[in-house]
Amino acid sequence: MQYEFSFVSFGIGLIIVIVGILFMRWHQVIADNLGSGVSSYDRYRLVALITCIVGLLVTLNLHWFILGNFLLMIFPKI
């Protein structure tokens, strides 16, 4: 599988990273309003960190590369 840069993936990934950063910034407010308060701060911060990492993978268009290799491990070519 060959790497190919895509401006569309770059834009979508950048939006995902921005959402993750905003989520990281206000995770306490979100946890207070949607979760169970102080006990869920770390869980919401972890979700925000995972969102930022996924956004970086999409920005560099590496998500298809990782998914393709993972699926080839499970379903090898015949």
C-alpha atoms as a PDB file:
ATOM      1  CA  MET A   1       0.000   0.000   0.000  1.00  0.00           C
ATOM      2  CA  GLN A   2       1.523   3.281  -1.101  1.00  0.00           C
ATOM      3  CA  TYR A   3       1.247   6.541   0.835  1.00  0.00           C
ATOM      4  CA  GLU A   4      -0.719   9.293  -0.869  1.00  0.00           C
ATOM      5  CA  PHE A   5      -1.237  12.787   0.580  1.00  0.00           C
ATOM      6  CA  SER A   6      -4.773  14.162   0.389  1.00  0.00           C
ATOM      7  CA  PHE A   7      -5.813  17.750   1.035  1.00  0.00           C
ATOM      8  CA  VAL A   8      -9.339  16.636   1.925  1.00  0.00           C
ATOM      9  CA  SER A   9      -8.008  14.303   4.625  1.00  0.00           C
ATOM     10  CA  PHE A  10      -5.720  17.079   5.810  1.00  0.00           C
ATOM     11  CA  GLY A  11      -8.674  19.451   6.241  1.00  0.00           C
ATOM     12  CA  ILE A  12     -10.884  16.893   7.954  1.00  0.00           C
ATOM     13  CA  GLY A  13      -8.028  15.811  10.212  1.00  0.00           C
ATOM     14  CA  LEU A  14      -7.291  19.410  11.136  1.00  0.00           C
ATOM     15  CA  ILE A  15     -10.934  19.882  12.128  1.00  0.00           C
ATOM     16  CA  ILE A  16     -10.782  16.708  14.262  1.00  0.00           C
ATOM     17  CA  VAL A  17      -7.589  17.950  15.960  1.00  0.00           C
ATOM     18  CA  ILE A  18      -9.203  21.328  16.713  1.00  0.00           C
ATOM     19  CA  VAL A  19     -12.263  19.595  18.195  1.00  0.00           C
ATOM     20  CA  GLY A  20      -9.965  17.388  20.298  1.00  0.00           C
ATOM     21  CA  ILE A  21      -8.031  20.411  21.551  1.00  0.00           C
ATOM     22  CA  LEU A  22     -11.248  22.216  22.469  1.00  0.00           C
ATOM     23  CA  PHE A  23     -12.504  19.064  24.168  1.00  0.00           C
ATOM     24  CA  MET A  24      -9.217  18.821  26.094  1.00  0.00           C
ATOM     25  CA  ARG A  25      -9.514  22.463  27.101  1.00  0.00           C
ATOM     26  CA  TRP A  26     -13.058  22.181  28.473  1.00  0.00           C
ATOM     27  CA  HIS A  27     -13.169  18.521  29.543  1.00  0.00           C
ATOM     28  CA  GLN A  28     -14.070  19.466  33.135  1.00  0.00           C
ATOM     29  CA  VAL A  29     -17.102  21.509  32.092  1.00  0.00           C
ATOM     30  CA  ILE A  30     -18.239  18.766  29.715  1.00  0.00           C
ATOM     31  CA  ALA A  31     -17.738  16.091  32.385  1.00  0.00           C
ATOM     32  CA  ASP A  32     -19.715  18.137  34.920  1.00  0.00           C
ATOM     33  CA  ASN A  33     -22.628  18.606  32.521  1.00  0.00           C
ATOM     34  CA  LEU A  34     -22.687  15.247  30.714  1.00  0.00           C
ATOM     35  CA  GLY A  35     -20.840  12.823  32.985  1.00  0.00           C
ATOM     36  CA  SER A  36     -20.684  12.081  36.645  1.00  0.00           C
ATOM     37  CA  GLY A  37     -18.584  15.091  37.627  1.00  0.00           C
ATOM     38  CA  VAL A  38     -15.129  14.902  39.164  1.00  0.00           C
ATOM     39  CA  SER A  39     -14.982  11.108  38.983  1.00  0.00           C
ATOM     40  CA  SER A  40     -15.088  11.176  35.171  1.00  0.00           C
ATOM     41  CA  TYR A  41     -12.511  13.939  34.497  1.00  0.00           C
ATOM     42  CA  ASP A  42      -9.738  11.502  33.577  1.00  0.00           C
ATOM     43  CA  ARG A  43     -11.979   9.481  31.284  1.00  0.00           C
ATOM     44  CA  TYR A  44     -13.064  12.581  29.359  1.00  0.00           C
ATOM     45  CA  ARG A  45      -9.467  13.786  29.131  1.00  0.00           C
ATOM     46  CA  LEU A  46      -8.453  10.381  27.729  1.00  0.00           C
ATOM     47  CA  VAL A  47     -11.196  10.594  25.101  1.00  0.00           C
ATOM     48  CA  ALA A  48      -9.954  14.074  24.145  1.00  0.00           C
ATOM     49  CA  LEU A  49      -6.388  12.771  23.815  1.00  0.00           C
ATOM     50  CA  ILE A  50      -7.538   9.863  21.633  1.00  0.00           C
ATOM     51  CA  THR A  51      -9.489  12.348  19.492  1.00  0.00           C
ATOM     52  CA  CYS A  52      -6.329  14.418  18.966  1.00  0.00           C
ATOM     53  CA  ILE A  53      -4.302  11.325  18.017  1.00  0.00           C
ATOM     54  CA  VAL A  54      -6.945  10.142  15.542  1.00  0.00           C
ATOM     55  CA  GLY A  55      -7.064  13.651  14.086  1.00  0.00           C
ATOM     56  CA  LEU A  56      -3.301  13.613  13.548  1.00  0.00           C
ATOM     57  CA  LEU A  57      -3.536  10.233  11.804  1.00  0.00           C
ATOM     58  CA  VAL A  58      -6.312  11.513   9.532  1.00  0.00           C
ATOM     59  CA  THR A  59      -4.360  14.728   8.865  1.00  0.00           C
ATOM     60  CA  LEU A  60      -1.419  12.712   7.549  1.00  0.00           C
ATOM     61  CA  ASN A  61      -3.776  10.290   5.739  1.00  0.00           C
ATOM     62  CA  LEU A  62      -2.323   7.356   7.686  1.00  0.00           C
ATOM     63  CA  HIS A  63      -5.649   5.982   8.875  1.00  0.00           C
ATOM     64  CA  TRP A  64      -6.195   4.042   5.612  1.00  0.00           C
ATOM     65  CA  PHE A  65      -2.656   2.676   5.781  1.00  0.00           C
ATOM     66  CA  ILE A  66      -3.121   1.410   9.350  1.00  0.00           C
ATOM     67  CA  LEU A  67      -6.604  -0.002   8.672  1.00  0.00           C
ATOM     68  CA  GLY A  68      -5.413  -1.685   5.476  1.00  0.00           C
ATOM     69  CA  ASN A  69      -2.480  -3.401   7.173  1.00  0.00           C
ATOM     70  CA  PHE A  70      -4.666  -4.454  10.101  1.00  0.00           C
ATOM     71  CA  LEU A  71      -7.292  -5.953   7.802  1.00  0.00           C
ATOM     72  CA  LEU A  72      -4.595  -7.737   5.768  1.00  0.00           C
ATOM     73  CA  MET A  73      -3.382  -9.359   8.987  1.00  0.00           C
ATOM     74  CA  ILE A  74      -6.875 -10.667   9.702  1.00  0.00           C
ATOM     75  CA  PHE A  75      -7.934 -11.448   6.107  1.00  0.00           C
ATOM     76  CA  PRO A  76      -4.832 -12.335   4.072  1.00  0.00           C
ATOM     77  CA  LYS A  77      -4.978 -12.167   0.280  1.00  0.00           C
ATOM     78  CA  ILE A  78      -5.795 -15.474  -1.339  1.00  0.00           C
END
